[in-house]
């Protein structure tokens, strides 16, 4: 639906208020109460024009900054900390952390894609180490049990939960984030095993187990 020159995906759902979201890939989605007049909904969405433009600008800048060539001197992040990438010619591929440096050993002819794949494998291993610790910890505290989890690249979400199958997916990009932010996403997805929707009950549960969850939610979208 075109609203004030914004292409917005509008979905009617069982919500009390309009929920408007701008995603990293610059898509815009709005959840609208099922019984709300569409003209009223449009006017309310239009009133958020400045906020939409601000979010789009932020993500456009983030997308520009995060394009990588995987060459020496680039900034890369792990666990919320900034590292300088150093690329070395080697017949044996590997990645090592030394002080504030990520050392990447690859063949001289290695493509950007291969370098990206190698670093992503490294990130996945590091994130798995965190999840193996935090998932059982918070399952015990919250009183729920998931069946399995997976890690993959996700465009618009830090995590997702298949409630019926009790399967959780985590965004690979979480490897770049702080422990507190990773735990926030773990808690968020596990609470969905109790409450399916993002309603008041869900928010109260989040405040109970993660009082600063709104701060972590905001900081997750900082440019890295």
C-alpha atoms as a PDB file:
ATOM      1  CA  UNK A   1       0.000   0.000   0.000  1.00  0.00           C
ATOM      2  CA  UNK A   2       1.382   3.406  -0.973  1.00  0.00           C
ATOM      3  CA  UNK A   3       1.124   5.900   1.901  1.00  0.00           C
ATOM      4  CA  UNK A   4       2.828   9.304   1.524  1.00  0.00           C
ATOM      5  CA  UNK A   5       5.163   7.798  -1.095  1.00  0.00           C
ATOM      6  CA  UNK A   6       6.123   5.011   1.296  1.00  0.00           C
ATOM      7  CA  UNK A   7       5.454   1.456   0.131  1.00  0.00           C
ATOM      8  CA  UNK A   8       4.087  -0.080   3.337  1.00  0.00           C
ATOM      9  CA  UNK A   9       2.919  -3.657   3.863  1.00  0.00           C
ATOM     10  CA  UNK A  10      -0.262  -3.335   5.939  1.00  0.00           C
ATOM     11  CA  UNK A  11      -1.614  -6.402   7.758  1.00  0.00           C
ATOM     12  CA  UNK A  12      -4.732  -6.595   9.887  1.00  0.00           C
ATOM     13  CA  UNK A  13      -4.046  -8.453  13.135  1.00  0.00           C
ATOM     14  CA  UNK A  14      -5.427  -8.950  16.629  1.00  0.00           C
ATOM     15  CA  UNK A  15      -3.632  -5.950  18.088  1.00  0.00           C
ATOM     16  CA  UNK A  16      -4.887  -2.969  20.085  1.00  0.00           C
ATOM     17  CA  UNK A  17      -2.727  -0.336  18.425  1.00  0.00           C
ATOM     18  CA  UNK A  18      -0.888   0.170  15.128  1.00  0.00           C
ATOM     19  CA  UNK A  19       2.557  -1.401  15.214  1.00  0.00           C
ATOM     20  CA  UNK A  20       4.893   0.174  12.679  1.00  0.00           C
ATOM     21  CA  UNK A  21       8.301  -1.322  11.869  1.00  0.00           C
ATOM     22  CA  UNK A  22      11.127  -0.410   9.510  1.00  0.00           C
ATOM     23  CA  UNK A  23      13.536  -3.245   8.726  1.00  0.00           C
ATOM     24  CA  UNK A  24      17.215  -3.435   7.793  1.00  0.00           C
ATOM     25  CA  UNK A  25      16.353  -4.166   4.145  1.00  0.00           C
ATOM     26  CA  UNK A  26      14.310  -0.892   4.138  1.00  0.00           C
ATOM     27  CA  UNK A  27      10.929  -2.622   3.999  1.00  0.00           C
ATOM     28  CA  UNK A  28       8.159  -1.054   6.080  1.00  0.00           C
ATOM     29  CA  UNK A  29       5.384  -3.066   7.716  1.00  0.00           C
ATOM     30  CA  UNK A  30       2.364  -2.017   9.751  1.00  0.00           C
ATOM     31  CA  UNK A  31       0.127  -4.216  11.892  1.00  0.00           C
ATOM     32  CA  UNK A  32      -3.337  -2.640  12.116  1.00  0.00           C
ATOM     33  CA  UNK A  33      -6.239  -3.603  14.439  1.00  0.00           C
ATOM     34  CA  UNK A  34      -8.747  -5.756  12.584  1.00  0.00           C
ATOM     35  CA  UNK A  35     -11.684  -3.374  13.144  1.00  0.00           C
ATOM     36  CA  UNK A  36      -9.856  -0.077  12.460  1.00  0.00           C
ATOM     37  CA  UNK A  37     -11.035   2.023   9.529  1.00  0.00           C
ATOM     38  CA  UNK A  38      -8.312   2.005   6.877  1.00  0.00           C
ATOM     39  CA  UNK A  39      -8.451   5.795   6.370  1.00  0.00           C
ATOM     40  CA  UNK A  40      -7.867   6.332  10.083  1.00  0.00           C
ATOM     41  CA  UNK A  41      -5.004   3.840   9.951  1.00  0.00           C
ATOM     42  CA  UNK A  42      -3.442   5.692   7.025  1.00  0.00           C
ATOM     43  CA  UNK A  43      -3.626   9.026   8.844  1.00  0.00           C
ATOM     44  CA  UNK A  44      -1.995   7.540  11.938  1.00  0.00           C
ATOM     45  CA  UNK A  45       0.775   6.011   9.830  1.00  0.00           C
ATOM     46  CA  UNK A  46       1.287   9.320   7.994  1.00  0.00           C
ATOM     47  CA  UNK A  47       1.760  11.053  11.363  1.00  0.00           C
ATOM     48  CA  UNK A  48       4.888   8.915  11.819  1.00  0.00           C
ATOM     49  CA  UNK A  49       6.531  10.178   8.614  1.00  0.00           C
ATOM     50  CA  UNK A  50       9.478  11.833  10.387  1.00  0.00           C
ATOM     51  CA  UNK A  51      10.144   8.670  12.409  1.00  0.00           C
ATOM     52  CA  UNK A  52       9.985   6.501   9.257  1.00  0.00           C
ATOM     53  CA  UNK A  53      12.458   8.760   7.451  1.00  0.00           C
ATOM     54  CA  UNK A  54      14.802   8.671  10.449  1.00  0.00           C
ATOM     55  CA  UNK A  55      14.737   4.861  10.547  1.00  0.00           C
ATOM     56  CA  UNK A  56      15.256   4.555   6.792  1.00  0.00           C
ATOM     57  CA  UNK A  57      18.229   6.927   6.941  1.00  0.00           C
ATOM     58  CA  UNK A  58      19.766   4.966   9.802  1.00  0.00           C
ATOM     59  CA  UNK A  59      19.473   1.632   7.994  1.00  0.00           C
ATOM     60  CA  UNK A  60      20.683   3.062   4.688  1.00  0.00           C
ATOM     61  CA  UNK A  61      23.798   4.314   6.472  1.00  0.00           C
ATOM     62  CA  UNK A  62      24.194   0.984   8.246  1.00  0.00           C
ATOM     63  CA  UNK A  63      23.921  -0.954   4.990  1.00  0.00           C
ATOM     64  CA  UNK A  64      26.533   1.316   3.410  1.00  0.00           C
ATOM     65  CA  UNK A  65      28.966   0.919   6.281  1.00  0.00           C
ATOM     66  CA  UNK A  66      28.595  -2.829   6.726  1.00  0.00           C
ATOM     67  CA  UNK A  67      29.568  -3.739   3.139  1.00  0.00           C
ATOM     68  CA  UNK A  68      32.859  -5.557   3.499  1.00  0.00           C
ATOM     69  CA  UNK A  69      35.762  -6.370   1.183  1.00  0.00           C
ATOM     70  CA  UNK A  70      37.645  -8.484   3.768  1.00  0.00           C
ATOM     71  CA  UNK A  71      40.967  -6.692   3.369  1.00  0.00           C
ATOM     72  CA  UNK A  72      43.518  -5.675   5.999  1.00  0.00           C
ATOM     73  CA  UNK A  73      42.519  -2.586   7.963  1.00  0.00           C
ATOM     74  CA  UNK A  74      38.744  -3.138   7.980  1.00  0.00           C
ATOM     75  CA  UNK A  75      36.765  -2.879  11.207  1.00  0.00           C
ATOM     76  CA  UNK A  76      34.936  -6.032  12.266  1.00  0.00           C
ATOM     77  CA  UNK A  77      33.097  -6.799  15.484  1.00  0.00           C
ATOM     78  CA  UNK A  78      32.870  -9.745  17.852  1.00  0.00           C
ATOM     79  CA  UNK A  79      30.904  -9.821  21.101  1.00  0.00           C
ATOM     80  CA  UNK A  80      30.388  -6.049  20.976  1.00  0.00           C
ATOM     81  CA  UNK A  81      34.102  -5.315  20.607  1.00  0.00           C
ATOM     82  CA  UNK A  82      35.815  -3.684  17.616  1.00  0.00           C
ATOM     83  CA  UNK A  83      38.663  -5.552  15.928  1.00  0.00           C
ATOM     84  CA  UNK A  84      40.970  -4.718  13.031  1.00  0.00           C
ATOM     85  CA  UNK A  85      41.128  -7.368  10.310  1.00  0.00           C
ATOM     86  CA  UNK A  86      44.551  -8.487   9.104  1.00  0.00           C
ATOM     87  CA  UNK A  87      44.678 -10.815   6.094  1.00  0.00           C
ATOM     88  CA  UNK A  88      47.663 -13.133   5.600  1.00  0.00           C
ATOM     89  CA  UNK A  89      48.577 -15.344   2.668  1.00  0.00           C
ATOM     90  CA  UNK A  90      48.480 -19.017   3.668  1.00  0.00           C
ATOM     91  CA  UNK A  91      47.708 -22.392   2.135  1.00  0.00           C
ATOM     92  CA  UNK A  92      45.800 -23.343   5.273  1.00  0.00           C
ATOM     93  CA  UNK A  93      42.704 -21.269   6.042  1.00  0.00           C
ATOM     94  CA  UNK A  94      42.038 -20.218   9.618  1.00  0.00           C
ATOM     95  CA  UNK A  95      41.066 -17.288  11.813  1.00  0.00           C
ATOM     96  CA  UNK A  96      42.704 -16.284  15.074  1.00  0.00           C
ATOM     97  CA  UNK A  97      42.056 -13.523  17.604  1.00  0.00           C
ATOM     98  CA  UNK A  98      45.082 -11.708  18.947  1.00  0.00           C
ATOM     99  CA  UNK A  99      44.643  -8.648  21.145  1.00  0.00           C
ATOM    100  CA  UNK A 100      42.468  -6.244  19.079  1.00  0.00           C
ATOM    101  CA  UNK A 101      43.111  -8.042  15.802  1.00  0.00           C
ATOM    102  CA  UNK A 102      41.266 -10.688  13.799  1.00  0.00           C
ATOM    103  CA  UNK A 103      43.921 -12.555  11.841  1.00  0.00           C
ATOM    104  CA  UNK A 104      42.603 -14.238   8.702  1.00  0.00           C
ATOM    105  CA  UNK A 105      44.815 -16.770   6.928  1.00  0.00           C
ATOM    106  CA  UNK A 106      43.704 -17.511   3.347  1.00  0.00           C
ATOM    107  CA  UNK A 107      45.149 -18.189  -0.080  1.00  0.00           C
ATOM    108  CA  UNK A 108      46.175 -15.072  -1.979  1.00  0.00           C
ATOM    109  CA  UNK A 109      43.613 -15.912  -4.679  1.00  0.00           C
ATOM    110  CA  UNK A 110      40.755 -16.290  -2.185  1.00  0.00           C
ATOM    111  CA  UNK A 111      37.602 -14.423  -3.254  1.00  0.00           C
ATOM    112  CA  UNK A 112      35.571 -12.017  -1.131  1.00  0.00           C
ATOM    113  CA  UNK A 113      32.855 -14.670  -0.902  1.00  0.00           C
ATOM    114  CA  UNK A 114      35.296 -17.265   0.422  1.00  0.00           C
ATOM    115  CA  UNK A 115      36.653 -14.827   2.991  1.00  0.00           C
ATOM    116  CA  UNK A 116      33.133 -13.938   4.050  1.00  0.00           C
ATOM    117  CA  UNK A 117      32.246 -17.627   4.359  1.00  0.00           C
ATOM    118  CA  UNK A 118      35.315 -18.286   6.493  1.00  0.00           C
ATOM    119  CA  UNK A 119      34.549 -15.397   8.852  1.00  0.00           C
ATOM    120  CA  UNK A 120      30.896 -16.424   9.088  1.00  0.00           C
ATOM    121  CA  UNK A 121      31.935 -19.956  10.099  1.00  0.00           C
ATOM    122  CA  UNK A 122      34.096 -18.386  12.790  1.00  0.00           C
ATOM    123  CA  UNK A 123      31.179 -16.225  13.939  1.00  0.00           C
ATOM    124  CA  UNK A 124      28.880 -19.246  14.031  1.00  0.00           C
ATOM    125  CA  UNK A 125      31.263 -21.178  16.271  1.00  0.00           C
ATOM    126  CA  UNK A 126      31.542 -18.237  18.662  1.00  0.00           C
ATOM    127  CA  UNK A 127      27.777 -17.703  18.780  1.00  0.00           C
ATOM    128  CA  UNK A 128      27.158 -21.420  19.350  1.00  0.00           C
ATOM    129  CA  UNK A 129      29.449 -21.258  22.370  1.00  0.00           C
ATOM    130  CA  UNK A 130      27.259 -18.495  23.792  1.00  0.00           C
ATOM    131  CA  UNK A 131      23.949 -20.191  22.984  1.00  0.00           C
ATOM    132  CA  UNK A 132      25.042 -23.508  24.507  1.00  0.00           C
ATOM    133  CA  UNK A 133      25.526 -21.588  27.731  1.00  0.00           C
ATOM    134  CA  UNK A 134      22.586 -19.199  27.695  1.00  0.00           C
ATOM    135  CA  UNK A 135      19.746 -21.347  26.337  1.00  0.00           C
ATOM    136  CA  UNK A 136      19.851 -23.978  29.139  1.00  0.00           C
ATOM    137  CA  UNK A 137      20.420 -21.222  31.704  1.00  0.00           C
ATOM    138  CA  UNK A 138      17.315 -19.274  30.713  1.00  0.00           C
ATOM    139  CA  UNK A 139      15.184 -22.346  30.007  1.00  0.00           C
ATOM    140  CA  UNK A 140      15.729 -23.290  33.645  1.00  0.00           C
ATOM    141  CA  UNK A 141      14.991 -19.797  34.965  1.00  0.00           C
ATOM    142  CA  UNK A 142      11.897 -19.232  32.821  1.00  0.00           C
ATOM    143  CA  UNK A 143      10.611 -22.785  33.198  1.00  0.00           C
ATOM    144  CA  UNK A 144      10.359 -23.743  29.518  1.00  0.00           C
ATOM    145  CA  UNK A 145      12.139 -26.167  27.208  1.00  0.00           C
ATOM    146  CA  UNK A 146      12.915 -25.740  23.526  1.00  0.00           C
ATOM    147  CA  UNK A 147      13.509 -28.713  21.246  1.00  0.00           C
ATOM    148  CA  UNK A 148      16.335 -27.308  19.124  1.00  0.00           C
ATOM    149  CA  UNK A 149      17.890 -24.147  17.729  1.00  0.00           C
ATOM    150  CA  UNK A 150      19.687 -23.108  14.558  1.00  0.00           C
ATOM    151  CA  UNK A 151      21.857 -20.192  13.411  1.00  0.00           C
ATOM    152  CA  UNK A 152      21.522 -18.501  10.040  1.00  0.00           C
ATOM    153  CA  UNK A 153      21.617 -15.130   8.320  1.00  0.00           C
ATOM    154  CA  UNK A 154      18.341 -13.268   8.818  1.00  0.00           C
ATOM    155  CA  UNK A 155      17.416  -9.946   7.204  1.00  0.00           C
ATOM    156  CA  UNK A 156      14.761  -8.554   9.501  1.00  0.00           C
ATOM    157  CA  UNK A 157      14.928 -10.407  12.816  1.00  0.00           C
ATOM    158  CA  UNK A 158      17.430 -11.213  15.539  1.00  0.00           C
ATOM    159  CA  UNK A 159      15.553 -14.390  16.306  1.00  0.00           C
ATOM    160  CA  UNK A 160      12.356 -16.298  15.602  1.00  0.00           C
ATOM    161  CA  UNK A 161      10.439 -19.053  17.347  1.00  0.00           C
ATOM    162  CA  UNK A 162       8.309 -21.828  15.871  1.00  0.00           C
ATOM    163  CA  UNK A 163       6.079 -22.175  18.900  1.00  0.00           C
ATOM    164  CA  UNK A 164       4.372 -25.419  17.862  1.00  0.00           C
ATOM    165  CA  UNK A 165       7.663 -27.214  17.147  1.00  0.00           C
ATOM    166  CA  UNK A 166       9.548 -25.352  19.900  1.00  0.00           C
ATOM    167  CA  UNK A 167      12.327 -24.559  17.437  1.00  0.00           C
ATOM    168  CA  UNK A 168      14.285 -21.311  17.671  1.00  0.00           C
ATOM    169  CA  UNK A 169      16.353 -19.592  14.989  1.00  0.00           C
ATOM    170  CA  UNK A 170      19.035 -17.032  15.788  1.00  0.00           C
ATOM    171  CA  UNK A 171      20.566 -14.448  13.473  1.00  0.00           C
ATOM    172  CA  UNK A 172      24.256 -15.073  12.802  1.00  0.00           C
ATOM    173  CA  UNK A 173      24.869 -11.336  13.271  1.00  0.00           C
ATOM    174  CA  UNK A 174      24.307 -11.828  17.009  1.00  0.00           C
ATOM    175  CA  UNK A 175      27.905 -13.054  17.207  1.00  0.00           C
ATOM    176  CA  UNK A 176      28.906  -9.397  16.822  1.00  0.00           C
ATOM    177  CA  UNK A 177      26.762  -8.304  19.762  1.00  0.00           C
ATOM    178  CA  UNK A 178      27.340  -8.089  23.509  1.00  0.00           C
ATOM    179  CA  UNK A 179      26.473 -10.942  25.866  1.00  0.00           C
ATOM    180  CA  UNK A 180      23.625  -8.915  27.401  1.00  0.00           C
ATOM    181  CA  UNK A 181      22.057  -8.424  23.957  1.00  0.00           C
ATOM    182  CA  UNK A 182      22.451 -12.100  23.035  1.00  0.00           C
ATOM    183  CA  UNK A 183      20.779 -13.079  26.298  1.00  0.00           C
ATOM    184  CA  UNK A 184      17.948 -10.636  25.603  1.00  0.00           C
ATOM    185  CA  UNK A 185      17.197 -12.393  22.294  1.00  0.00           C
ATOM    186  CA  UNK A 186      17.369 -15.817  23.978  1.00  0.00           C
ATOM    187  CA  UNK A 187      14.932 -14.681  26.674  1.00  0.00           C
ATOM    188  CA  UNK A 188      12.639 -13.052  24.090  1.00  0.00           C
ATOM    189  CA  UNK A 189      12.323 -16.215  22.006  1.00  0.00           C
ATOM    190  CA  UNK A 190      11.942 -18.541  25.004  1.00  0.00           C
ATOM    191  CA  UNK A 191       9.130 -16.395  26.420  1.00  0.00           C
ATOM    192  CA  UNK A 192       7.270 -16.963  23.157  1.00  0.00           C
ATOM    193  CA  UNK A 193       6.911 -20.575  24.343  1.00  0.00           C
ATOM    194  CA  UNK A 194       4.671 -19.124  27.063  1.00  0.00           C
ATOM    195  CA  UNK A 195       3.081 -16.199  25.210  1.00  0.00           C
ATOM    196  CA  UNK A 196       2.704 -16.275  21.431  1.00  0.00           C
ATOM    197  CA  UNK A 197       1.938 -12.570  20.902  1.00  0.00           C
ATOM    198  CA  UNK A 198       3.767  -9.364  21.792  1.00  0.00           C
ATOM    199  CA  UNK A 199       0.992  -8.288  24.139  1.00  0.00           C
ATOM    200  CA  UNK A 200       0.983  -6.913  27.683  1.00  0.00           C
ATOM    201  CA  UNK A 201       1.480 -10.374  29.165  1.00  0.00           C
ATOM    202  CA  UNK A 202       4.552 -10.855  26.972  1.00  0.00           C
ATOM    203  CA  UNK A 203       5.973  -7.474  27.997  1.00  0.00           C
ATOM    204  CA  UNK A 204       5.343  -8.198  31.695  1.00  0.00           C
ATOM    205  CA  UNK A 205       7.212 -11.492  31.362  1.00  0.00           C
ATOM    206  CA  UNK A 206      10.079  -9.689  29.651  1.00  0.00           C
ATOM    207  CA  UNK A 207      10.251  -7.123  32.472  1.00  0.00           C
ATOM    208  CA  UNK A 208      10.242  -9.976  34.986  1.00  0.00           C
ATOM    209  CA  UNK A 209      13.165 -11.884  33.472  1.00  0.00           C
ATOM    210  CA  UNK A 210      14.997  -9.052  31.674  1.00  0.00           C
ATOM    211  CA  UNK A 211      14.169  -5.646  33.258  1.00  0.00           C
ATOM    212  CA  UNK A 212      16.365  -3.721  30.783  1.00  0.00           C
ATOM    213  CA  UNK A 213      15.027  -5.498  27.691  1.00  0.00           C
ATOM    214  CA  UNK A 214      13.936  -2.275  25.982  1.00  0.00           C
ATOM    215  CA  UNK A 215      17.484  -0.881  26.213  1.00  0.00           C
ATOM    216  CA  UNK A 216      18.917  -4.074  24.730  1.00  0.00           C
ATOM    217  CA  UNK A 217      16.304  -4.008  21.980  1.00  0.00           C
ATOM    218  CA  UNK A 218      17.404  -0.487  21.044  1.00  0.00           C
ATOM    219  CA  UNK A 219      21.149  -1.156  21.282  1.00  0.00           C
ATOM    220  CA  UNK A 220      20.875  -4.190  18.989  1.00  0.00           C
ATOM    221  CA  UNK A 221      20.219  -1.826  16.106  1.00  0.00           C
ATOM    222  CA  UNK A 222      23.347   0.246  16.606  1.00  0.00           C
ATOM    223  CA  UNK A 223      25.665   0.305  13.581  1.00  0.00           C
ATOM    224  CA  UNK A 224      28.517  -2.205  13.712  1.00  0.00           C
END
